[in-house]
Amino acid sequence: MSFSVVGSVNHLVAEYRRFLLSPYRLADPRLRVQFESHIQQADVLVKGPYVTLANDFAREHTLKQLHEQGVGHDDRG
């Protein structure tokens, strides 16, 4: 099983687009089409990186270890 950072990022972006579209069902069909089109075609949905003084998340596993445990996206199709 191969792990791909690019494949995982692409999967995450696709899931985020799906998330953004799910709660916003605009009543006006023209606005709904315009909104959905913008979300699907936008190059940037979130700008960053952001600098924060917050503590890091707990570091327990590497991405490779998580993938070996079945967490993440397998980009083989």
PDB file of N, CA and C in Angstrom:
ATOM      1  N   MET A   1       0.856  -1.170   0.000  1.00  0.00           N
ATOM      2  CA  MET A   1       0.000   0.000   0.000  1.00  0.00           C
ATOM      3  C   MET A   1       0.905   1.238   0.000  1.00  0.00           C
ATOM      4  N   SER A   2       0.788   2.063  -1.030  1.00  0.00           N
ATOM      5  CA  SER A   2       1.630   3.259  -1.100  1.00  0.00           C
ATOM      6  C   SER A   2       0.894   4.461  -0.523  1.00  0.00           C
ATOM      7  N   PHE A   3       1.667   5.346   0.065  1.00  0.00           N
ATOM      8  CA  PHE A   3       1.111   6.563   0.661  1.00  0.00           C
ATOM      9  C   PHE A   3       1.564   7.753  -0.164  1.00  0.00           C
ATOM     10  N   SER A   4       0.642   8.640  -0.460  1.00  0.00           N
ATOM     11  CA  SER A   4       0.964   9.824  -1.227  1.00  0.00           C
ATOM     12  C   SER A   4       0.447  11.055  -0.497  1.00  0.00           C
ATOM     13  N   VAL A   5       1.366  11.966  -0.181  1.00  0.00           N
ATOM     14  CA  VAL A   5       0.964  13.214   0.468  1.00  0.00           C
ATOM     15  C   VAL A   5       0.060  14.002  -0.471  1.00  0.00           C
ATOM     16  N   VAL A   6       0.431  14.071  -1.741  1.00  0.00           N
ATOM     17  CA  VAL A   6      -0.371  14.820  -2.722  1.00  0.00           C
ATOM     18  C   VAL A   6      -1.761  14.214  -2.834  1.00  0.00           C
ATOM     19  N   GLY A   7      -1.841  12.902  -2.892  1.00  0.00           N
ATOM     20  CA  GLY A   7      -3.150  12.246  -2.961  1.00  0.00           C
ATOM     21  C   GLY A   7      -3.982  12.522  -1.725  1.00  0.00           C
ATOM     22  N   SER A   8      -3.344  12.515  -0.569  1.00  0.00           N
ATOM     23  CA  SER A   8      -4.058  12.797   0.677  1.00  0.00           C
ATOM     24  C   SER A   8      -4.555  14.236   0.723  1.00  0.00           C
ATOM     25  N   VAL A   9      -3.720  15.174   0.268  1.00  0.00           N
ATOM     26  CA  VAL A   9      -4.132  16.584   0.242  1.00  0.00           C
ATOM     27  C   VAL A   9      -5.286  16.774  -0.741  1.00  0.00           C
ATOM     28  N   ASN A  10      -5.196  16.169  -1.913  1.00  0.00           N
ATOM     29  CA  ASN A  10      -6.280  16.287  -2.889  1.00  0.00           C
ATOM     30  C   ASN A  10      -7.577  15.710  -2.344  1.00  0.00           C
ATOM     31  N   HIS A  11      -7.464  14.594  -1.639  1.00  0.00           N
ATOM     32  CA  HIS A  11      -8.651  13.994  -1.024  1.00  0.00           C
ATOM     33  C   HIS A  11      -9.237  14.919   0.039  1.00  0.00           C
ATOM     34  N   LEU A  12      -8.374  15.518   0.851  1.00  0.00           N
ATOM     35  CA  LEU A  12      -8.816  16.442   1.892  1.00  0.00           C
ATOM     36  C   LEU A  12      -9.517  17.655   1.286  1.00  0.00           C
ATOM     37  N   VAL A  13      -8.963  18.207   0.212  1.00  0.00           N
ATOM     38  CA  VAL A  13      -9.579  19.357  -0.461  1.00  0.00           C
ATOM     39  C   VAL A  13     -10.952  18.971  -1.016  1.00  0.00           C
ATOM     40  N   ALA A  14     -11.044  17.801  -1.642  1.00  0.00           N
ATOM     41  CA  ALA A  14     -12.331  17.348  -2.184  1.00  0.00           C
ATOM     42  C   ALA A  14     -13.363  17.172  -1.073  1.00  0.00           C
ATOM     43  N   GLU A  15     -12.943  16.606   0.053  1.00  0.00           N
ATOM     44  CA  GLU A  15     -13.858  16.428   1.180  1.00  0.00           C
ATOM     45  C   GLU A  15     -14.283  17.777   1.769  1.00  0.00           C
ATOM     46  N   TYR A  16     -13.372  18.732   1.805  1.00  0.00           N
ATOM     47  CA  TYR A  16     -13.703  20.062   2.318  1.00  0.00           C
ATOM     48  C   TYR A  16     -14.703  20.753   1.396  1.00  0.00           C
ATOM     49  N   ARG A  17     -14.515  20.615   0.085  1.00  0.00           N
ATOM     50  CA  ARG A  17     -15.491  21.177  -0.862  1.00  0.00           C
ATOM     51  C   ARG A  17     -16.869  20.559  -0.630  1.00  0.00           C
ATOM     52  N   ARG A  18     -16.894  19.236  -0.451  1.00  0.00           N
ATOM     53  CA  ARG A  18     -18.165  18.550  -0.212  1.00  0.00           C
ATOM     54  C   ARG A  18     -18.801  19.046   1.087  1.00  0.00           C
ATOM     55  N   PHE A  19     -17.980  19.236   2.108  1.00  0.00           N
ATOM     56  CA  PHE A  19     -18.468  19.757   3.384  1.00  0.00           C
ATOM     57  C   PHE A  19     -19.071  21.151   3.212  1.00  0.00           C
ATOM     58  N   LEU A  20     -18.388  22.010   2.464  1.00  0.00           N
ATOM     59  CA  LEU A  20     -18.893  23.376   2.264  1.00  0.00           C
ATOM     60  C   LEU A  20     -20.217  23.384   1.515  1.00  0.00           C
ATOM     61  N   LEU A  21     -20.402  22.470   0.611  1.00  0.00           N
ATOM     62  CA  LEU A  21     -21.625  22.440  -0.182  1.00  0.00           C
ATOM     63  C   LEU A  21     -22.797  21.810   0.563  1.00  0.00           C
ATOM     64  N   SER A  22     -22.532  20.946   1.529  1.00  0.00           N
ATOM     65  CA  SER A  22     -23.617  20.200   2.157  1.00  0.00           C
ATOM     66  C   SER A  22     -24.583  21.038   2.989  1.00  0.00           C
ATOM     67  N   PRO A  23     -24.139  21.998   3.813  1.00  0.00           N
ATOM     68  CA  PRO A  23     -25.120  22.696   4.646  1.00  0.00           C
ATOM     69  C   PRO A  23     -25.782  23.896   3.962  1.00  0.00           C
ATOM     70  N   TYR A  24     -25.273  24.323   2.827  1.00  0.00           N
ATOM     71  CA  TYR A  24     -25.769  25.545   2.195  1.00  0.00           C
ATOM     72  C   TYR A  24     -26.595  25.228   0.962  1.00  0.00           C
ATOM     73  N   ARG A  25     -27.851  24.952   1.168  1.00  0.00           N
ATOM     74  CA  ARG A  25     -28.774  24.708   0.065  1.00  0.00           C
ATOM     75  C   ARG A  25     -29.613  25.977  -0.108  1.00  0.00           C
ATOM     76  N   LEU A  26     -29.111  26.891  -0.925  1.00  0.00           N
ATOM     77  CA  LEU A  26     -29.783  28.167  -1.113  1.00  0.00           C
ATOM     78  C   LEU A  26     -31.105  27.968  -1.856  1.00  0.00           C
ATOM     79  N   ALA A  27     -32.137  28.688  -1.446  1.00  0.00           N
ATOM     80  CA  ALA A  27     -33.460  28.546  -2.040  1.00  0.00           C
ATOM     81  C   ALA A  27     -33.502  29.084  -3.464  1.00  0.00           C
ATOM     82  N   ASP A  28     -32.780  30.149  -3.740  1.00  0.00           N
ATOM     83  CA  ASP A  28     -32.753  30.737  -5.080  1.00  0.00           C
ATOM     84  C   ASP A  28     -31.860  29.874  -5.970  1.00  0.00           C
ATOM     85  N   PRO A  29     -32.435  29.255  -6.999  1.00  0.00           N
ATOM     86  CA  PRO A  29     -31.650  28.355  -7.842  1.00  0.00           C
ATOM     87  C   PRO A  29     -30.447  29.040  -8.509  1.00  0.00           C
ATOM     88  N   ARG A  30     -30.587  30.285  -8.893  1.00  0.00           N
ATOM     89  CA  ARG A  30     -29.465  30.987  -9.535  1.00  0.00           C
ATOM     90  C   ARG A  30     -28.318  31.197  -8.556  1.00  0.00           C
ATOM     91  N   LEU A  31     -28.648  31.592  -7.319  1.00  0.00           N
ATOM     92  CA  LEU A  31     -27.605  31.761  -6.304  1.00  0.00           C
ATOM     93  C   LEU A  31     -26.957  30.431  -5.940  1.00  0.00           C
ATOM     94  N   ARG A  32     -27.781  29.378  -5.865  1.00  0.00           N
ATOM     95  CA  ARG A  32     -27.255  28.060  -5.536  1.00  0.00           C
ATOM     96  C   ARG A  32     -26.254  27.600  -6.598  1.00  0.00           C
ATOM     97  N   VAL A  33     -26.604  27.750  -7.871  1.00  0.00           N
ATOM     98  CA  VAL A  33     -25.698  27.362  -8.963  1.00  0.00           C
ATOM     99  C   VAL A  33     -24.421  28.190  -8.914  1.00  0.00           C
ATOM    100  N   GLN A  34     -24.552  29.479  -8.682  1.00  0.00           N
ATOM    101  CA  GLN A  34     -23.382  30.357  -8.612  1.00  0.00           C
ATOM    102  C   GLN A  34     -22.476  29.971  -7.434  1.00  0.00           C
ATOM    103  N   PHE A  35     -23.061  29.730  -6.283  1.00  0.00           N
ATOM    104  CA  PHE A  35     -22.284  29.343  -5.102  1.00  0.00           C
ATOM    105  C   PHE A  35     -21.569  28.008  -5.330  1.00  0.00           C
ATOM    106  N   GLU A  36     -22.302  27.010  -5.805  1.00  0.00           N
ATOM    107  CA  GLU A  36     -21.709  25.693  -6.024  1.00  0.00           C
ATOM    108  C   GLU A  36     -20.616  25.749  -7.080  1.00  0.00           C
ATOM    109  N   SER A  37     -20.824  26.538  -8.120  1.00  0.00           N
ATOM    110  CA  SER A  37     -19.812  26.695  -9.164  1.00  0.00           C
ATOM    111  C   SER A  37     -18.544  27.341  -8.596  1.00  0.00           C
ATOM    112  N   HIS A  38     -18.728  28.357  -7.764  1.00  0.00           N
ATOM    113  CA  HIS A  38     -17.576  29.034  -7.168  1.00  0.00           C
ATOM    114  C   HIS A  38     -16.773  28.072  -6.290  1.00  0.00           C
ATOM    115  N   ILE A  39     -17.459  27.285  -5.469  1.00  0.00           N
ATOM    116  CA  ILE A  39     -16.776  26.331  -4.590  1.00  0.00           C
ATOM    117  C   ILE A  39     -16.012  25.296  -5.413  1.00  0.00           C
ATOM    118  N   GLN A  40     -16.621  24.796  -6.474  1.00  0.00           N
ATOM    119  CA  GLN A  40     -15.966  23.765  -7.288  1.00  0.00           C
ATOM    120  C   GLN A  40     -14.768  24.307  -8.060  1.00  0.00           C
ATOM    121  N   GLN A  41     -14.802  25.585  -8.453  1.00  0.00           N
ATOM    122  CA  GLN A  41     -13.751  26.135  -9.307  1.00  0.00           C
ATOM    123  C   GLN A  41     -12.699  26.949  -8.548  1.00  0.00           C
ATOM    124  N   ALA A  42     -12.940  27.254  -7.297  1.00  0.00           N
ATOM    125  CA  ALA A  42     -12.006  28.099  -6.538  1.00  0.00           C
ATOM    126  C   ALA A  42     -10.646  27.415  -6.390  1.00  0.00           C
ATOM    127  N   ASP A  43      -9.599  28.163  -6.678  1.00  0.00           N
ATOM    128  CA  ASP A  43      -8.247  27.633  -6.499  1.00  0.00           C
ATOM    129  C   ASP A  43      -7.866  27.587  -5.020  1.00  0.00           C
ATOM    130  N   VAL A  44      -8.322  28.576  -4.269  1.00  0.00           N
ATOM    131  CA  VAL A  44      -7.975  28.673  -2.854  1.00  0.00           C
ATOM    132  C   VAL A  44      -9.267  28.783  -2.044  1.00  0.00           C
ATOM    133  N   LEU A  45      -9.454  27.845  -1.127  1.00  0.00           N
ATOM    134  CA  LEU A  45     -10.623  27.884  -0.249  1.00  0.00           C
ATOM    135  C   LEU A  45     -10.264  28.420   1.126  1.00  0.00           C
ATOM    136  N   VAL A  46      -9.037  28.216   1.531  1.00  0.00           N
ATOM    137  CA  VAL A  46      -8.547  28.680   2.818  1.00  0.00           C
ATOM    138  C   VAL A  46      -7.159  29.231   2.599  1.00  0.00           C
ATOM    139  N   LYS A  47      -6.907  30.413   3.114  1.00  0.00           N
ATOM    140  CA  LYS A  47      -5.583  30.998   2.984  1.00  0.00           C
ATOM    141  C   LYS A  47      -4.757  30.673   4.216  1.00  0.00           C
ATOM    142  N   GLY A  48      -3.495  30.576   4.023  1.00  0.00           N
ATOM    143  CA  GLY A  48      -2.613  30.270   5.137  1.00  0.00           C
ATOM    144  C   GLY A  48      -1.195  30.284   4.624  1.00  0.00           C
ATOM    145  N   PRO A  49      -0.218  29.852   5.310  1.00  0.00           N
ATOM    146  CA  PRO A  49      -0.327  29.261   6.640  1.00  0.00           C
ATOM    147  C   PRO A  49      -0.544  30.321   7.710  1.00  0.00           C
ATOM    148  N   TYR A  50      -1.035  29.879   8.822  1.00  0.00           N
ATOM    149  CA  TYR A  50      -1.290  30.770   9.935  1.00  0.00           C
ATOM    150  C   TYR A  50      -0.262  30.531  11.031  1.00  0.00           C
ATOM    151  N   VAL A  51       0.119  31.585  11.698  1.00  0.00           N
ATOM    152  CA  VAL A  51       1.042  31.479  12.822  1.00  0.00           C
ATOM    153  C   VAL A  51       0.214  31.565  14.093  1.00  0.00           C
ATOM    154  N   THR A  52       0.466  30.644  14.994  1.00  0.00           N
ATOM    155  CA  THR A  52      -0.276  30.627  16.233  1.00  0.00           C
ATOM    156  C   THR A  52       0.667  30.369  17.404  1.00  0.00           C
ATOM    157  N   LEU A  53       0.293  30.833  18.561  1.00  0.00           N
ATOM    158  CA  LEU A  53       1.065  30.573  19.757  1.00  0.00           C
ATOM    159  C   LEU A  53       0.498  29.397  20.539  1.00  0.00           C
ATOM    160  N   ALA A  54      -0.545  28.786  19.992  1.00  0.00           N
ATOM    161  CA  ALA A  54      -1.160  27.644  20.659  1.00  0.00           C
ATOM    162  C   ALA A  54      -0.197  26.459  20.665  1.00  0.00           C
ATOM    163  N   ASN A  55      -0.392  25.587  21.617  1.00  0.00           N
ATOM    164  CA  ASN A  55       0.436  24.376  21.702  1.00  0.00           C
ATOM    165  C   ASN A  55       0.141  23.462  20.520  1.00  0.00           C
ATOM    166  N   ASP A  56       1.141  22.703  20.116  1.00  0.00           N
ATOM    167  CA  ASP A  56       0.951  21.712  19.074  1.00  0.00           C
ATOM    168  C   ASP A  56       0.015  20.613  19.564  1.00  0.00           C
ATOM    169  N   PHE A  57      -0.548  19.895  18.601  1.00  0.00           N
ATOM    170  CA  PHE A  57      -1.314  18.708  18.951  1.00  0.00           C
ATOM    171  C   PHE A  57      -0.347  17.649  19.463  1.00  0.00           C
ATOM    172  N   ALA A  58      -0.868  16.716  20.204  1.00  0.00           N
ATOM    173  CA  ALA A  58      -0.032  15.630  20.703  1.00  0.00           C
ATOM    174  C   ALA A  58       0.578  14.876  19.525  1.00  0.00           C
ATOM    175  N   ARG A  59       1.844  14.554  19.639  1.00  0.00           N
ATOM    176  CA  ARG A  59       2.544  13.842  18.571  1.00  0.00           C
ATOM    177  C   ARG A  59       2.708  12.390  18.989  1.00  0.00           C
ATOM    178  N   GLU A  60       1.937  11.539  18.350  1.00  0.00           N
ATOM    179  CA  GLU A  60       2.000  10.129  18.694  1.00  0.00           C
ATOM    180  C   GLU A  60       2.452   9.283  17.523  1.00  0.00           C
ATOM    181  N   HIS A  61       1.895   9.556  16.339  1.00  0.00           N
ATOM    182  CA  HIS A  61       2.162   8.714  15.178  1.00  0.00           C
ATOM    183  C   HIS A  61       2.582   9.581  13.994  1.00  0.00           C
ATOM    184  N   THR A  62       3.410   9.028  13.129  1.00  0.00           N
ATOM    185  CA  THR A  62       3.762   9.704  11.882  1.00  0.00           C
ATOM    186  C   THR A  62       2.639   9.471  10.877  1.00  0.00           C
ATOM    187  N   LEU A  63       2.652  10.233   9.782  1.00  0.00           N
ATOM    188  CA  LEU A  63       1.649  10.020   8.729  1.00  0.00           C
ATOM    189  C   LEU A  63       1.744   8.603   8.176  1.00  0.00           C
ATOM    190  N   LYS A  64       2.963   8.110   8.018  1.00  0.00           N
ATOM    191  CA  LYS A  64       3.141   6.756   7.507  1.00  0.00           C
ATOM    192  C   LYS A  64       2.520   5.727   8.453  1.00  0.00           C
ATOM    193  N   GLN A  65       2.726   5.897   9.750  1.00  0.00           N
ATOM    194  CA  GLN A  65       2.147   4.972  10.726  1.00  0.00           C
ATOM    195  C   GLN A  65       0.620   5.021  10.691  1.00  0.00           C
ATOM    196  N   LEU A  66       0.061   6.213  10.593  1.00  0.00           N
ATOM    197  CA  LEU A  66      -1.393   6.341  10.513  1.00  0.00           C
ATOM    198  C   LEU A  66      -1.930   5.663   9.261  1.00  0.00           C
ATOM    199  N   HIS A  67      -1.228   5.856   8.148  1.00  0.00           N
ATOM    200  CA  HIS A  67      -1.663   5.235   6.899  1.00  0.00           C
ATOM    201  C   HIS A  67      -1.605   3.708   7.012  1.00  0.00           C
ATOM    202  N   GLU A  68      -0.564   3.190   7.631  1.00  0.00           N
ATOM    203  CA  GLU A  68      -0.434   1.749   7.818  1.00  0.00           C
ATOM    204  C   GLU A  68      -1.550   1.202   8.712  1.00  0.00           C
ATOM    205  N   GLN A  69      -2.110   2.058   9.560  1.00  0.00           N
ATOM    206  CA  GLN A  69      -3.231   1.670  10.433  1.00  0.00           C
ATOM    207  C   GLN A  69      -4.575   1.808   9.705  1.00  0.00           C
ATOM    208  N   GLY A  70      -4.543   2.271   8.449  1.00  0.00           N
ATOM    209  CA  GLY A  70      -5.785   2.403   7.685  1.00  0.00           C
ATOM    210  C   GLY A  70      -6.406   3.791   7.767  1.00  0.00           C
ATOM    211  N   VAL A  71      -5.710   4.738   8.362  1.00  0.00           N
ATOM    212  CA  VAL A  71      -6.206   6.109   8.441  1.00  0.00           C
ATOM    213  C   VAL A  71      -5.634   6.871   7.261  1.00  0.00           C
ATOM    214  N   GLY A  72      -6.457   7.588   6.536  1.00  0.00           N
ATOM    215  CA  GLY A  72      -5.966   8.366   5.400  1.00  0.00           C
ATOM    216  C   GLY A  72      -6.550   7.870   4.100  1.00  0.00           C
ATOM    217  N   HIS A  73      -6.092   8.465   3.039  1.00  0.00           N
ATOM    218  CA  HIS A  73      -6.621   8.186   1.709  1.00  0.00           C
ATOM    219  C   HIS A  73      -5.608   7.395   0.897  1.00  0.00           C
ATOM    220  N   ASP A  74      -6.039   6.295   0.319  1.00  0.00           N
ATOM    221  CA  ASP A  74      -5.193   5.517  -0.577  1.00  0.00           C
ATOM    222  C   ASP A  74      -5.448   6.016  -1.993  1.00  0.00           C
ATOM    223  N   ASP A  75      -4.452   6.636  -2.616  1.00  0.00           N
ATOM    224  CA  ASP A  75      -4.644   7.288  -3.909  1.00  0.00           C
ATOM    225  C   ASP A  75      -4.499   6.354  -5.094  1.00  0.00           C
ATOM    226  N   ARG A  76      -4.525   5.083  -4.858  1.00  0.00           N
ATOM    227  CA  ARG A  76      -4.355   4.137  -5.972  1.00  0.00           C
ATOM    228  C   ARG A  76      -5.623   4.000  -6.807  1.00  0.00           C
ATOM    229  N   GLY A  77      -6.669   4.700  -6.465  1.00  0.00           N
ATOM    230  CA  GLY A  77      -7.859   4.628  -7.316  1.00  0.00           C
ATOM    231  C   GLY A  77      -8.984   4.091  -6.600  1.00  0.00           C
TER     232      GLY A  77
END
